[in-house]
Amino acid sequence: MRVFVVLACFVLTACSSSVYNPPPVSAPDAEAANKAAKKASNEEKLVGSVEVSAVREAYSASPGPYILCLRGAESATAPRRTYAVFFKNNDYVAARMSVMIDSCESQPFTPLGTGPFPSPPDKAKEK
């Protein structure tokens, strides 16, 4: 009886030993990153001067494998806050207020523009 149990375990192990190669993940291109940064800025209701950092790899427990940082204020009198925008390939995954592990405070920023940003035209309406 034990021989059959051991044999069954070997058979199941052989089935589960196939190699899984996940699809490669790459950083977003500049156009996708800018588009997502503007979308995240609008979601967070940032107004006035908005700044953005370069795209880099995110911490492994982040919502996406790549991150850029966004800095702006919700009103003219509000303090400037820093947000993290996450990507997987060219896809915008999520945005949230940055935390220490994101290292957004130490990133160099460049101007993105003045928020709120106009929404891109809806492709369904164009057809």
N, C-alpha and C. Protein backbone atom coordinates (compact mmCIF):
# COMPACT_ATOMS: atom_id res chain seq x y z
N MET A 1 0.82 -1.19 0.00
CA MET A 1 0.00 0.00 0.00
C MET A 1 0.87 1.26 0.00
N ARG A 2 1.92 1.23 0.83
CA ARG A 2 2.81 2.40 0.90
C ARG A 2 3.50 2.66 -0.43
N VAL A 3 3.77 1.61 -1.15
CA VAL A 3 4.42 1.76 -2.45
C VAL A 3 3.53 2.56 -3.39
N PHE A 4 2.23 2.32 -3.37
CA PHE A 4 1.31 3.05 -4.23
C PHE A 4 1.21 4.52 -3.84
N VAL A 5 1.25 4.80 -2.56
CA VAL A 5 1.21 6.19 -2.08
C VAL A 5 2.46 6.93 -2.52
N VAL A 6 3.61 6.29 -2.36
CA VAL A 6 4.86 6.91 -2.77
C VAL A 6 4.88 7.11 -4.28
N LEU A 7 4.43 6.12 -5.02
CA LEU A 7 4.36 6.23 -6.47
C LEU A 7 3.44 7.37 -6.90
N ALA A 8 2.29 7.49 -6.25
CA ALA A 8 1.35 8.57 -6.55
C ALA A 8 1.98 9.94 -6.27
N CYS A 9 2.75 10.03 -5.20
CA CYS A 9 3.43 11.30 -4.88
C CYS A 9 4.45 11.66 -5.96
N PHE A 10 5.19 10.68 -6.44
CA PHE A 10 6.16 10.94 -7.50
C PHE A 10 5.48 11.39 -8.78
N VAL A 11 4.36 10.75 -9.11
CA VAL A 11 3.62 11.13 -10.32
C VAL A 11 3.11 12.56 -10.20
N LEU A 12 2.54 12.92 -9.05
CA LEU A 12 2.04 14.28 -8.85
C LEU A 12 3.17 15.31 -8.85
N THR A 13 4.30 14.94 -8.31
CA THR A 13 5.46 15.83 -8.32
C THR A 13 5.93 16.08 -9.74
N ALA A 14 5.92 15.06 -10.56
CA ALA A 14 6.34 15.21 -11.95
C ALA A 14 5.41 16.15 -12.69
N CYS A 15 4.13 16.11 -12.39
CA CYS A 15 3.18 17.00 -13.05
C CYS A 15 3.36 18.45 -12.63
N SER A 16 3.77 18.65 -11.41
CA SER A 16 3.90 20.03 -10.92
C SER A 16 5.28 20.62 -11.16
N SER A 17 6.19 19.86 -11.73
CA SER A 17 7.54 20.36 -11.91
C SER A 17 7.75 21.11 -13.22
N SER A 18 6.68 21.30 -14.00
CA SER A 18 6.84 22.04 -15.24
C SER A 18 7.26 23.48 -14.92
N VAL A 19 8.09 24.03 -15.76
CA VAL A 19 8.66 25.35 -15.53
C VAL A 19 7.69 26.41 -16.05
N TYR A 20 7.38 27.37 -15.19
CA TYR A 20 6.51 28.48 -15.57
C TYR A 20 7.37 29.71 -15.79
N ASN A 21 7.32 30.25 -16.98
CA ASN A 21 8.04 31.48 -17.29
C ASN A 21 7.03 32.60 -17.42
N PRO A 22 6.94 33.49 -16.42
CA PRO A 22 5.99 34.59 -16.51
C PRO A 22 6.38 35.54 -17.63
N PRO A 23 5.42 36.23 -18.22
CA PRO A 23 5.75 37.17 -19.29
C PRO A 23 6.64 38.28 -18.77
N PRO A 24 7.54 38.77 -19.59
CA PRO A 24 8.45 39.83 -19.12
C PRO A 24 7.69 41.13 -18.85
N VAL A 25 8.16 41.86 -17.86
CA VAL A 25 7.57 43.14 -17.49
C VAL A 25 8.61 44.21 -17.76
N SER A 26 8.17 45.31 -18.39
CA SER A 26 9.10 46.40 -18.70
C SER A 26 8.56 47.71 -18.16
N ALA A 27 9.43 48.70 -18.11
CA ALA A 27 9.04 50.04 -17.66
C ALA A 27 8.15 50.69 -18.72
N PRO A 28 7.27 51.59 -18.30
CA PRO A 28 6.43 52.28 -19.28
C PRO A 28 7.25 53.25 -20.12
N ASP A 29 6.80 53.50 -21.35
CA ASP A 29 7.49 54.50 -22.16
C ASP A 29 7.10 55.89 -21.66
N ALA A 30 7.78 56.90 -22.13
CA ALA A 30 7.59 58.27 -21.64
C ALA A 30 6.16 58.77 -21.85
N GLU A 31 5.57 58.45 -22.98
CA GLU A 31 4.20 58.91 -23.28
C GLU A 31 3.20 58.29 -22.30
N ALA A 32 3.31 56.99 -22.07
CA ALA A 32 2.40 56.31 -21.14
C ALA A 32 2.59 56.82 -19.72
N ALA A 33 3.84 57.09 -19.34
CA ALA A 33 4.12 57.59 -17.99
C ALA A 33 3.52 58.98 -17.80
N ASN A 34 3.67 59.87 -18.78
CA ASN A 34 3.09 61.22 -18.68
C ASN A 34 1.57 61.17 -18.63
N LYS A 35 0.98 60.33 -19.45
CA LYS A 35 -0.48 60.20 -19.48
C LYS A 35 -1.00 59.71 -18.12
N ALA A 36 -0.33 58.70 -17.57
CA ALA A 36 -0.74 58.17 -16.27
C ALA A 36 -0.50 59.17 -15.15
N ALA A 37 0.58 59.93 -15.22
CA ALA A 37 0.86 60.94 -14.19
C ALA A 37 -0.23 62.01 -14.20
N LYS A 38 -0.67 62.42 -15.38
CA LYS A 38 -1.75 63.42 -15.47
C LYS A 38 -3.07 62.84 -14.96
N LYS A 39 -3.32 61.57 -15.27
CA LYS A 39 -4.54 60.92 -14.78
C LYS A 39 -4.52 60.84 -13.25
N ALA A 40 -3.39 60.43 -12.68
CA ALA A 40 -3.26 60.33 -11.23
C ALA A 40 -3.39 61.71 -10.59
N SER A 41 -2.82 62.73 -11.22
CA SER A 41 -2.93 64.10 -10.72
C SER A 41 -4.39 64.54 -10.65
N ASN A 42 -5.15 64.22 -11.69
CA ASN A 42 -6.58 64.55 -11.69
C ASN A 42 -7.34 63.75 -10.64
N GLU A 43 -7.00 62.47 -10.46
CA GLU A 43 -7.66 61.64 -9.45
C GLU A 43 -7.41 62.18 -8.05
N GLU A 44 -6.21 62.69 -7.80
CA GLU A 44 -5.86 63.24 -6.49
C GLU A 44 -6.27 64.72 -6.36
N LYS A 45 -6.86 65.27 -7.42
CA LYS A 45 -7.37 66.64 -7.44
C LYS A 45 -6.27 67.68 -7.19
N LEU A 46 -5.11 67.49 -7.83
CA LEU A 46 -4.00 68.42 -7.69
C LEU A 46 -4.22 69.62 -8.61
N VAL A 47 -3.93 70.79 -8.09
CA VAL A 47 -4.06 72.02 -8.87
C VAL A 47 -2.73 72.77 -8.82
N GLY A 48 -2.58 73.70 -9.75
CA GLY A 48 -1.34 74.47 -9.79
C GLY A 48 -0.20 73.65 -10.36
N SER A 49 1.00 74.01 -10.01
CA SER A 49 2.20 73.36 -10.53
C SER A 49 2.30 71.92 -10.02
N VAL A 50 2.43 70.98 -10.94
CA VAL A 50 2.58 69.57 -10.61
C VAL A 50 3.94 69.12 -11.14
N GLU A 51 4.66 68.36 -10.31
CA GLU A 51 5.98 67.88 -10.70
C GLU A 51 6.00 66.36 -10.69
N VAL A 52 6.92 65.80 -11.46
CA VAL A 52 7.00 64.35 -11.62
C VAL A 52 8.47 63.92 -11.58
N SER A 53 8.71 62.71 -11.08
CA SER A 53 10.06 62.15 -11.07
C SER A 53 10.21 61.19 -12.25
N ALA A 54 11.39 60.65 -12.40
CA ALA A 54 11.63 59.64 -13.43
C ALA A 54 11.03 58.30 -13.00
N VAL A 55 10.76 57.45 -13.95
CA VAL A 55 10.25 56.10 -13.68
C VAL A 55 11.42 55.23 -13.23
N ARG A 56 11.18 54.42 -12.22
CA ARG A 56 12.20 53.50 -11.72
C ARG A 56 11.50 52.26 -11.17
N GLU A 57 12.29 51.24 -10.83
CA GLU A 57 11.71 50.03 -10.27
C GLU A 57 11.17 50.30 -8.88
N ALA A 58 10.02 49.70 -8.59
CA ALA A 58 9.37 49.87 -7.29
C ALA A 58 9.80 48.77 -6.34
N TYR A 59 9.52 48.98 -5.08
CA TYR A 59 9.76 47.98 -4.05
C TYR A 59 8.91 46.76 -4.37
N SER A 60 9.38 45.58 -4.07
CA SER A 60 8.73 44.33 -4.49
C SER A 60 7.30 44.16 -3.98
N ALA A 61 6.93 44.76 -2.87
CA ALA A 61 5.57 44.62 -2.33
C ALA A 61 4.63 45.72 -2.83
N SER A 62 5.04 46.50 -3.80
CA SER A 62 4.24 47.60 -4.33
C SER A 62 3.15 47.08 -5.26
N PRO A 63 2.14 47.92 -5.53
CA PRO A 63 1.06 47.51 -6.43
C PRO A 63 1.50 47.22 -7.86
N GLY A 64 2.62 47.77 -8.28
CA GLY A 64 3.15 47.53 -9.62
C GLY A 64 4.66 47.49 -9.57
N PRO A 65 5.30 46.91 -10.59
CA PRO A 65 6.75 46.76 -10.56
C PRO A 65 7.53 48.05 -10.86
N TYR A 66 6.87 49.07 -11.42
CA TYR A 66 7.54 50.34 -11.70
C TYR A 66 6.78 51.49 -11.07
N ILE A 67 7.50 52.54 -10.71
CA ILE A 67 6.93 53.66 -9.97
C ILE A 67 7.47 54.98 -10.51
N LEU A 68 6.64 56.00 -10.46
CA LEU A 68 7.11 57.38 -10.59
C LEU A 68 6.45 58.16 -9.47
N CYS A 69 7.06 59.24 -9.06
CA CYS A 69 6.54 60.06 -7.97
C CYS A 69 5.95 61.34 -8.54
N LEU A 70 4.92 61.81 -7.90
CA LEU A 70 4.17 62.99 -8.32
C LEU A 70 4.07 63.91 -7.13
N ARG A 71 4.25 65.22 -7.36
CA ARG A 71 4.19 66.16 -6.25
C ARG A 71 3.31 67.34 -6.65
N GLY A 72 2.37 67.70 -5.76
CA GLY A 72 1.47 68.81 -6.01
C GLY A 72 0.59 69.09 -4.81
N ALA A 73 -0.28 70.10 -4.95
CA ALA A 73 -1.16 70.50 -3.86
C ALA A 73 -2.62 70.40 -4.30
N GLU A 74 -3.50 70.19 -3.33
CA GLU A 74 -4.93 70.07 -3.62
C GLU A 74 -5.62 71.42 -3.73
N SER A 75 -4.97 72.48 -3.23
CA SER A 75 -5.49 73.84 -3.38
C SER A 75 -4.31 74.80 -3.29
N ALA A 76 -4.56 76.06 -3.56
CA ALA A 76 -3.48 77.06 -3.55
C ALA A 76 -2.89 77.23 -2.15
N THR A 77 -3.67 76.98 -1.11
CA THR A 77 -3.19 77.17 0.26
C THR A 77 -2.77 75.87 0.94
N ALA A 78 -3.05 74.74 0.30
CA ALA A 78 -2.72 73.44 0.90
C ALA A 78 -1.23 73.13 0.73
N PRO A 79 -0.67 72.33 1.63
CA PRO A 79 0.74 71.94 1.47
C PRO A 79 0.92 71.00 0.29
N ARG A 80 2.11 71.02 -0.29
CA ARG A 80 2.42 70.11 -1.40
C ARG A 80 2.62 68.71 -0.83
N ARG A 81 2.02 67.74 -1.48
CA ARG A 81 2.15 66.34 -1.05
C ARG A 81 2.77 65.53 -2.17
N THR A 82 3.30 64.39 -1.79
CA THR A 82 3.94 63.50 -2.76
C THR A 82 3.13 62.22 -2.89
N TYR A 83 2.94 61.79 -4.13
CA TYR A 83 2.15 60.60 -4.44
C TYR A 83 3.01 59.63 -5.24
N ALA A 84 2.69 58.36 -5.14
CA ALA A 84 3.36 57.31 -5.90
C ALA A 84 2.39 56.78 -6.95
N VAL A 85 2.87 56.67 -8.20
CA VAL A 85 2.07 56.17 -9.32
C VAL A 85 2.75 54.89 -9.81
N PHE A 86 1.98 53.80 -9.90
CA PHE A 86 2.54 52.49 -10.22
C PHE A 86 2.12 52.02 -11.61
N PHE A 87 3.04 51.25 -12.23
CA PHE A 87 2.85 50.75 -13.59
C PHE A 87 3.21 49.29 -13.69
N LYS A 88 2.62 48.65 -14.68
CA LYS A 88 3.06 47.33 -15.14
C LYS A 88 3.07 47.44 -16.65
N ASN A 89 4.24 47.39 -17.24
CA ASN A 89 4.44 47.68 -18.67
C ASN A 89 3.94 49.11 -18.92
N ASN A 90 3.11 49.34 -19.91
CA ASN A 90 2.58 50.68 -20.17
C ASN A 90 1.25 50.93 -19.46
N ASP A 91 0.82 50.01 -18.63
CA ASP A 91 -0.47 50.11 -17.97
C ASP A 91 -0.36 50.79 -16.61
N TYR A 92 -1.21 51.78 -16.39
CA TYR A 92 -1.33 52.46 -15.10
C TYR A 92 -2.04 51.51 -14.15
N VAL A 93 -1.42 51.22 -12.99
CA VAL A 93 -1.99 50.27 -12.05
C VAL A 93 -2.72 50.98 -10.92
N ALA A 94 -2.04 51.91 -10.24
CA ALA A 94 -2.63 52.57 -9.07
C ALA A 94 -1.83 53.81 -8.71
N ALA A 95 -2.46 54.65 -7.90
CA ALA A 95 -1.77 55.81 -7.33
C ALA A 95 -2.20 55.92 -5.87
N ARG A 96 -1.27 56.35 -5.05
CA ARG A 96 -1.56 56.56 -3.63
C ARG A 96 -0.56 57.56 -3.07
N MET A 97 -0.85 58.06 -1.88
CA MET A 97 0.10 58.94 -1.23
C MET A 97 1.37 58.14 -0.96
N SER A 98 2.51 58.72 -1.21
CA SER A 98 3.76 57.97 -1.06
C SER A 98 4.06 57.68 0.40
N VAL A 99 4.77 56.60 0.59
CA VAL A 99 5.24 56.19 1.92
C VAL A 99 6.76 56.10 1.87
N MET A 100 7.38 55.93 3.01
CA MET A 100 8.84 55.98 3.08
C MET A 100 9.52 54.99 2.15
N ILE A 101 8.99 53.79 2.01
CA ILE A 101 9.62 52.76 1.19
C ILE A 101 9.66 53.15 -0.29
N ASP A 102 8.79 54.07 -0.71
CA ASP A 102 8.77 54.53 -2.10
C ASP A 102 9.96 55.44 -2.42
N SER A 103 10.57 56.03 -1.41
CA SER A 103 11.73 56.94 -1.57
C SER A 103 11.43 58.12 -2.48
N CYS A 104 10.20 58.59 -2.48
CA CYS A 104 9.84 59.72 -3.34
C CYS A 104 10.47 61.04 -2.87
N GLU A 105 10.66 61.19 -1.58
CA GLU A 105 11.19 62.45 -1.06
C GLU A 105 12.61 62.72 -1.54
N SER A 106 13.35 61.69 -1.90
CA SER A 106 14.73 61.87 -2.32
C SER A 106 14.90 61.94 -3.84
N GLN A 107 13.81 61.90 -4.59
CA GLN A 107 13.88 61.90 -6.05
C GLN A 107 13.94 63.32 -6.61
N PRO A 108 14.67 63.52 -7.71
CA PRO A 108 14.63 64.82 -8.38
C PRO A 108 13.34 64.92 -9.19
N PHE A 109 12.71 66.08 -9.16
CA PHE A 109 11.44 66.31 -9.86
C PHE A 109 11.62 67.30 -11.00
N THR A 110 10.80 67.12 -12.04
CA THR A 110 10.73 68.06 -13.16
C THR A 110 9.27 68.48 -13.32
N PRO A 111 9.01 69.67 -13.87
CA PRO A 111 7.61 70.12 -14.04
C PRO A 111 6.84 69.22 -15.01
N LEU A 112 5.62 68.92 -14.64
CA LEU A 112 4.70 68.17 -15.51
C LEU A 112 3.74 69.12 -16.19
N GLY A 113 3.37 70.18 -15.49
CA GLY A 113 2.43 71.16 -16.02
C GLY A 113 1.57 71.70 -14.90
N THR A 114 0.47 72.34 -15.29
CA THR A 114 -0.44 72.95 -14.33
C THR A 114 -1.74 72.15 -14.30
N GLY A 115 -2.08 71.65 -13.13
CA GLY A 115 -3.29 70.85 -12.98
C GLY A 115 -4.48 71.73 -12.66
N PRO A 116 -5.69 71.27 -12.85
CA PRO A 116 -6.05 69.96 -13.38
C PRO A 116 -5.78 69.87 -14.88
N PHE A 117 -5.48 68.68 -15.33
CA PHE A 117 -5.16 68.43 -16.72
C PHE A 117 -6.42 68.04 -17.49
N PRO A 118 -6.50 68.43 -18.77
CA PRO A 118 -7.67 68.03 -19.55
C PRO A 118 -7.71 66.52 -19.73
N SER A 119 -8.90 65.97 -19.67
CA SER A 119 -9.06 64.53 -19.86
C SER A 119 -8.83 64.19 -21.33
N PRO A 120 -8.20 63.04 -21.61
CA PRO A 120 -8.03 62.65 -23.01
C PRO A 120 -9.38 62.36 -23.64
N PRO A 121 -9.51 62.58 -24.95
CA PRO A 121 -10.80 62.31 -25.60
C PRO A 121 -11.16 60.83 -25.50
N ASP A 122 -12.45 60.57 -25.33
CA ASP A 122 -12.94 59.21 -25.22
C ASP A 122 -12.94 58.57 -26.60
N LYS A 123 -12.25 57.44 -26.76
CA LYS A 123 -12.13 56.79 -28.06
C LYS A 123 -13.46 56.26 -28.55
N ALA A 124 -14.37 55.93 -27.64
CA ALA A 124 -15.69 55.43 -28.04
C ALA A 124 -16.50 56.54 -28.71
N LYS A 125 -16.31 57.78 -28.27
CA LYS A 125 -17.05 58.90 -28.84
C LYS A 125 -16.51 59.28 -30.22
N GLU A 126 -15.22 58.99 -30.48
CA GLU A 126 -14.62 59.35 -31.75
C GLU A 126 -15.15 58.49 -32.89
N LYS A 127 -15.61 57.29 -32.60
CA LYS A 127 -16.06 56.37 -33.66
C LYS A 127 -17.41 56.71 -34.18
